[in-house]
Each structure stands twice: as structure tokens, then as C-alpha cells.
Amino acid sequence: MNEIIKVNYNGDQFTVSARELHNALGIEKRFSAWFETNSQGFVDGEDFTSVLSGTVVNNGAHRDLQDYNLSSDMAKHICLMSRTEKGKKCRQYLIDLEKAWNTPEQVMARALEIAHKKIEEIKTQNTFLIEENKRMKPKEIFADAVEVSNTCILIGELAKILKQNGINIGQNRLFDWMRDNGYLIKRNGTDYNMPTQKSMELGLFEIKERTINNPDGSVRITKTVLVTGKGQQYFINKFLNDEERSA
């Protein structure tokens, strides 16, 4: 089939450029005035949509022109209204094109094309989700959870949380690590395993004191070190970051 007028194929319908149709019909009337007259009774957004088409002017510069994508029904109607031989030929051309467009083979081809595009969209989305999942390391997820926690926990409980998330460390080793890295006091004495000044200034620990009355009437004070919500976030991030760097 010889091409009389260029059409745009998109989705399950084809459209016709109003300017292409204007030229194919050999209309001498200015395009804007012609379209204003012939678009009466048609609905913007349903029968036609506004677009810009480009052209090159005499000095070589690019210029945008107002154009419209017409539905096949609107284009055929305009051809009929022209009441010219060119109008009849263009209308018949569009009718024949529409018949070919709606053959089972073409319908199937378009369905396969749409399915292929959908698959590509899903692949792109999945790629994004995989990359986002890599970016959202456990350290970020658990940091968010701990950040809003107002509950202080024992160092042994922190060791369990770390172990559940791939950090192979137990309570005793965690105490050793905290002493070796300056978070707990290392020297022997009454303040052994108490938070260092640095740790307290960072807000990583709290000390819970409890008074115990002995049978002989004396009073004994015990101190328990608790990891604050901020401390939990700090140590979880630190261990997971170290784990990532060593991986």
C-alpha cells in the first residue's frame, strides 16, 4: 500500500498528524484557521491531543510548530468534510489502513509488543529494587529501628542482636571488645567494666544503681551498665560497617 499520509503508531490505536493531513488534502487555508474550523464538535484529549512538531527554517534553525494528533475517526471525518478527490483518497487510505491494522496478525503483534515493553519495565523496576536493596544495608534498617527506641538493654542483649544479624560475637567477646576499644574501663578495680568518660559523653550507656540491704544491716550498692537507644544504634552501625569493609 503506497503511503498517502504518514500515520503515528502508538499502543493499540494509530493517530494522524493534523499538519500531515492538512498537507495531504492540499488545503490552502492557513493551518491554524483550518484546524479551528474542522475541530468543532470534537473533544480535546479524546479525539485529538495537542503536540509540537519541529521544522527547520531557512537559516537552518529549529522551530517548533503547533500540531495535533488526530484519532483515525476524526481524521476520516475531516477527509469527508473536505468534499474533494484528495479527501476521498485520504479517507479510503485510512479505512484500508485501519482494516490492515485490525487483522488478527497485527493485533497479536501489538499484544506481543506491549507484553515485551511491560517485561522490560518490570526488569528495570526489579533492577532498581535490587540496587536499592543493596544500598539499604542491615545497618540502615536496624539503625532506624533502634533510633526511636527509648529502652535501655544489657550488653548481653546487644550481643544477641548483633549475632542475629550476622555478627559472630557473644557477650564475653563483646565485653572484651568494648574494653579493648575504650568504651568500658579496662583497669581492675571498683570501676572495672564501667563506661569510660568518652562513652558517657557520647550517650552510649546508662548506669543503673540498685541498693541492697544485707542481713547484717549494712547497705550494698550494685551498678549495672545498660546500652541506651543511641548506644544500640552506634554499636550496630559500627559492627555492620566493619563487617562490610572486611567482606
Protein backbone atom coordinates (compact mmCIF):
# COMPACT_ATOMS: atom_id res chain seq x y z
CA MET A 1 0.00 0.00 0.00
CA ASN A 2 1.53 3.32 -1.13
CA GLU A 3 1.75 5.82 1.71
CA ILE A 4 -0.56 8.78 1.07
CA ILE A 5 -0.38 10.24 4.55
CA LYS A 6 2.00 9.50 7.37
CA VAL A 7 0.44 7.98 10.49
CA ASN A 8 1.80 7.53 14.00
CA TYR A 9 1.63 4.07 15.56
CA ASN A 10 1.36 4.09 19.33
CA GLY A 11 -0.27 1.46 21.53
CA ASP A 12 -3.43 -0.13 20.18
CA GLN A 13 -4.51 2.86 18.04
CA PHE A 14 -2.88 4.90 15.32
CA THR A 15 -3.09 8.67 15.03
CA VAL A 16 -2.66 11.15 12.22
CA SER A 17 -0.76 14.43 12.36
CA ALA A 18 -3.12 17.31 11.67
CA ARG A 19 -0.40 19.10 9.73
CA GLU A 20 0.28 15.97 7.66
CA LEU A 21 -3.42 15.72 6.88
CA HIS A 22 -3.58 19.44 6.06
CA ASN A 23 -0.76 18.97 3.52
CA ALA A 24 -2.18 15.70 2.09
CA LEU A 25 -5.54 17.36 1.45
CA GLY A 26 -3.82 20.25 -0.33
CA ILE A 27 -5.53 22.86 1.85
CA GLU A 28 -4.54 26.43 1.02
CA LYS A 29 -6.16 27.92 4.10
CA ARG A 30 -3.77 28.70 6.98
CA PHE A 31 -3.32 25.65 9.20
CA SER A 32 -4.42 27.24 12.49
CA ALA A 33 -7.62 28.62 10.96
CA TRP A 34 -8.32 25.35 9.15
CA PHE A 35 -7.92 23.30 12.31
CA GLU A 36 -10.03 25.66 14.39
CA THR A 37 -12.87 25.23 11.90
CA ASN A 38 -12.56 21.48 11.46
CA SER A 39 -12.10 20.64 15.13
CA GLN A 40 -15.51 22.00 16.08
CA GLY A 41 -17.55 19.29 17.79
CA PHE A 42 -14.51 17.16 18.64
CA VAL A 43 -13.22 16.70 22.18
CA ASP A 44 -9.71 17.72 23.16
CA GLY A 45 -7.98 14.83 24.91
CA GLU A 46 -10.24 12.22 23.32
CA ASP A 47 -10.44 12.92 19.59
CA PHE A 48 -7.21 14.91 19.39
CA THR A 49 -4.26 15.95 21.54
CA SER A 50 -2.04 19.00 21.27
CA VAL A 51 1.62 18.33 20.35
CA LEU A 52 4.60 20.22 18.97
CA SER A 53 6.28 19.25 15.72
CA GLY A 54 9.65 20.52 14.64
CA THR A 55 10.73 22.10 11.38
CA VAL A 56 13.90 23.70 10.04
CA VAL A 57 13.59 27.27 8.77
CA ASN A 58 15.62 28.94 6.01
CA ASN A 59 18.53 29.93 8.27
CA GLY A 60 18.89 26.35 9.49
CA ALA A 61 17.42 26.99 12.92
CA HIS A 62 14.95 24.58 14.51
CA ARG A 63 11.44 25.85 15.08
CA ASP A 64 8.57 24.26 17.00
CA LEU A 65 5.17 24.25 15.32
CA GLN A 66 1.79 23.67 16.90
CA ASP A 67 0.37 20.34 15.77
CA TYR A 68 -2.32 17.87 16.85
CA ASN A 69 -2.52 14.09 16.91
CA LEU A 70 -5.91 13.12 15.48
CA SER A 71 -7.74 9.88 16.10
CA SER A 72 -8.38 7.83 12.97
CA ASP A 73 -12.13 8.57 13.22
CA MET A 74 -11.57 12.32 13.42
CA ALA A 75 -9.11 12.22 10.51
CA LYS A 76 -11.59 10.26 8.36
CA HIS A 77 -14.36 12.70 9.26
CA ILE A 78 -12.24 15.69 8.24
CA CYS A 79 -11.38 13.97 4.95
CA LEU A 80 -15.10 13.52 4.30
CA MET A 81 -15.84 17.16 5.12
CA SER A 82 -13.26 18.37 2.58
CA ARG A 83 -15.52 17.11 -0.27
CA THR A 84 -12.53 16.81 -2.64
CA GLU A 85 -10.97 13.98 -4.59
CA LYS A 86 -7.90 14.14 -2.35
CA GLY A 87 -10.19 13.90 0.64
CA LYS A 88 -11.79 10.73 -0.73
CA LYS A 89 -8.41 9.15 -1.41
CA CYS A 90 -7.07 10.02 2.06
CA ARG A 91 -10.23 8.71 3.74
CA GLN A 92 -10.11 5.44 1.78
CA TYR A 93 -6.42 5.11 2.57
CA LEU A 94 -7.15 5.46 6.29
CA ILE A 95 -10.02 2.94 6.05
CA ASP A 96 -7.78 0.39 4.31
CA LEU A 97 -5.01 1.07 6.82
CA GLU A 98 -7.41 0.54 9.70
CA LYS A 99 -8.53 -2.79 8.24
CA ALA A 100 -4.93 -3.94 7.97
CA TRP A 101 -4.24 -2.60 11.45
CA ASN A 102 -7.03 -4.73 12.93
CA THR A 103 -6.15 -8.06 11.30
CA PRO A 104 -5.58 -10.88 13.81
CA GLU A 105 -1.88 -10.94 12.91
CA GLN A 106 -1.45 -7.23 13.63
CA VAL A 107 -3.48 -7.41 16.84
CA MET A 108 -1.28 -10.28 18.03
CA ALA A 109 1.88 -8.42 17.03
CA ARG A 110 0.80 -5.36 19.02
CA ALA A 111 -0.11 -7.52 22.01
CA LEU A 112 3.35 -9.10 21.93
CA GLU A 113 4.97 -5.69 21.65
CA ILE A 114 3.00 -4.38 24.63
CA ALA A 115 3.91 -7.51 26.63
CA HIS A 116 7.58 -7.05 25.73
CA LYS A 117 7.50 -3.42 26.90
CA LYS A 118 5.83 -4.49 30.14
CA ILE A 119 8.51 -7.12 30.71
CA GLU A 120 11.23 -4.53 30.12
CA GLU A 121 9.53 -2.17 32.60
CA ILE A 122 9.41 -4.94 35.21
CA LYS A 123 13.07 -5.77 34.58
CA THR A 124 14.01 -2.12 35.02
CA GLN A 125 11.96 -1.89 38.20
CA ASN A 126 13.47 -5.10 39.57
CA THR A 127 16.98 -3.84 38.81
CA PHE A 128 16.20 -0.67 40.73
CA LEU A 129 14.82 -2.66 43.68
CA ILE A 130 17.89 -4.92 43.75
CA GLU A 131 20.21 -1.93 43.78
CA GLU A 132 18.08 -0.24 46.42
CA ASN A 133 18.17 -3.41 48.50
CA LYS A 134 21.96 -3.48 48.27
CA ARG A 135 22.09 0.13 49.34
CA MET A 136 19.74 -0.42 52.25
CA LYS A 137 22.17 -2.50 54.25
CA PRO A 138 21.02 -4.04 57.53
CA LYS A 139 22.90 -1.29 59.35
CA GLU A 140 20.46 1.28 57.99
CA ILE A 141 17.37 -0.81 58.68
CA PHE A 142 18.36 -1.59 62.26
CA ALA A 143 19.64 1.92 62.87
CA ASP A 144 16.18 3.27 62.06
CA ALA A 145 14.55 0.74 64.38
CA VAL A 146 16.87 1.41 67.27
CA GLU A 147 16.91 5.15 66.79
CA VAL A 148 13.38 5.56 68.10
CA SER A 149 13.84 3.07 70.95
CA ASN A 150 13.79 4.52 74.47
CA THR A 151 14.55 1.15 76.07
CA CYS A 152 17.98 0.50 77.51
CA ILE A 153 19.27 -3.05 77.25
CA LEU A 154 22.04 -5.14 78.77
CA ILE A 155 25.29 -5.59 76.89
CA GLY A 156 24.49 -9.32 76.65
CA GLU A 157 21.21 -8.49 74.87
CA LEU A 158 23.10 -6.27 72.42
CA ALA A 159 25.39 -9.21 71.67
CA LYS A 160 22.33 -11.33 70.81
CA ILE A 161 21.00 -8.67 68.42
CA LEU A 162 24.38 -8.47 66.70
CA LYS A 163 24.62 -12.26 66.39
CA GLN A 164 21.12 -12.48 64.90
CA ASN A 165 22.30 -10.14 62.17
CA GLY A 166 25.44 -11.93 61.11
CA ILE A 167 27.99 -10.58 63.63
CA ASN A 168 29.63 -13.59 65.23
CA ILE A 169 30.12 -12.30 68.75
CA GLY A 170 28.90 -13.34 72.18
CA GLN A 171 28.53 -11.50 75.47
CA ASN A 172 32.07 -12.14 76.78
CA ARG A 173 33.73 -11.24 73.50
CA LEU A 174 31.62 -8.07 73.27
CA PHE A 175 32.79 -7.05 76.76
CA ASP A 176 36.39 -7.74 75.70
CA TRP A 177 35.93 -5.69 72.53
CA MET A 178 34.41 -2.75 74.42
CA ARG A 179 37.26 -2.75 76.91
CA ASP A 180 39.93 -3.04 74.21
CA ASN A 181 38.35 -0.19 72.22
CA GLY A 182 37.97 2.23 75.09
CA TYR A 183 34.23 2.02 75.72
CA LEU A 184 34.48 0.23 79.08
CA ILE A 185 37.11 0.70 81.78
CA LYS A 186 39.80 -1.94 81.46
CA ARG A 187 41.79 -1.49 84.66
CA ASN A 188 40.96 -3.68 87.64
CA GLY A 189 39.13 -2.00 90.46
CA THR A 190 35.68 -0.97 91.60
CA ASP A 191 35.02 0.74 88.27
CA TYR A 192 36.02 -2.29 86.14
CA ASN A 193 33.61 -2.74 83.17
CA MET A 194 32.06 0.67 83.87
CA PRO A 195 31.66 3.07 80.92
CA THR A 196 34.59 5.33 80.15
CA GLN A 197 34.19 9.09 80.19
CA LYS A 198 34.15 9.07 76.39
CA SER A 199 31.27 6.59 76.29
CA MET A 200 29.20 8.58 78.76
CA GLU A 201 29.78 11.82 76.85
CA LEU A 202 28.60 10.09 73.67
CA GLY A 203 25.45 8.93 75.48
CA LEU A 204 26.11 5.25 74.73
CA PHE A 205 25.46 3.89 78.21
CA GLU A 206 23.46 4.45 81.35
CA ILE A 207 24.33 3.16 84.79
CA LYS A 208 21.51 1.71 86.85
CA GLU A 209 22.17 1.67 90.57
CA ARG A 210 20.36 -0.60 93.00
CA THR A 211 20.52 -0.55 96.79
CA ILE A 212 20.58 -3.92 98.56
CA ASN A 213 20.11 -4.27 102.32
CA ASN A 214 22.35 -7.01 103.71
CA PRO A 215 21.21 -9.27 106.60
CA ASP A 216 23.75 -7.65 108.92
CA GLY A 217 22.12 -4.27 108.39
CA SER A 218 24.73 -2.93 106.02
CA VAL A 219 23.83 -1.49 102.63
CA ARG A 220 25.34 -2.61 99.33
CA ILE A 221 25.02 -0.69 96.07
CA THR A 222 25.21 -2.56 92.75
CA LYS A 223 25.75 -0.94 89.39
CA THR A 224 24.51 -2.34 86.08
CA VAL A 225 25.67 -0.97 82.73
CA LEU A 226 22.86 -0.56 80.16
CA VAL A 227 23.19 0.32 76.48
CA THR A 228 20.99 3.29 75.53
CA GLY A 229 18.97 3.51 72.32
CA LYS A 230 21.63 5.79 70.90
CA GLY A 231 24.30 3.31 72.00
CA GLN A 232 22.49 0.42 70.32
CA GLN A 233 22.37 2.37 67.07
CA TYR A 234 26.02 3.33 67.42
CA PHE A 235 27.35 -0.18 68.04
CA ILE A 236 25.11 -1.89 65.46
CA ASN A 237 26.22 0.56 62.77
CA LYS A 238 29.85 0.23 63.79
CA PHE A 239 29.91 -3.56 63.70
CA LEU A 240 27.97 -3.82 60.43
CA ASN A 241 30.17 -1.21 58.78
CA ASP A 242 33.30 -3.07 59.92
CA GLU A 243 31.76 -6.33 58.64
CA GLU A 244 31.06 -4.73 55.24
CA ARG A 245 34.60 -3.39 54.91
CA SER A 246 36.11 -6.78 55.72
CA ALA A 247 33.81 -8.65 53.31
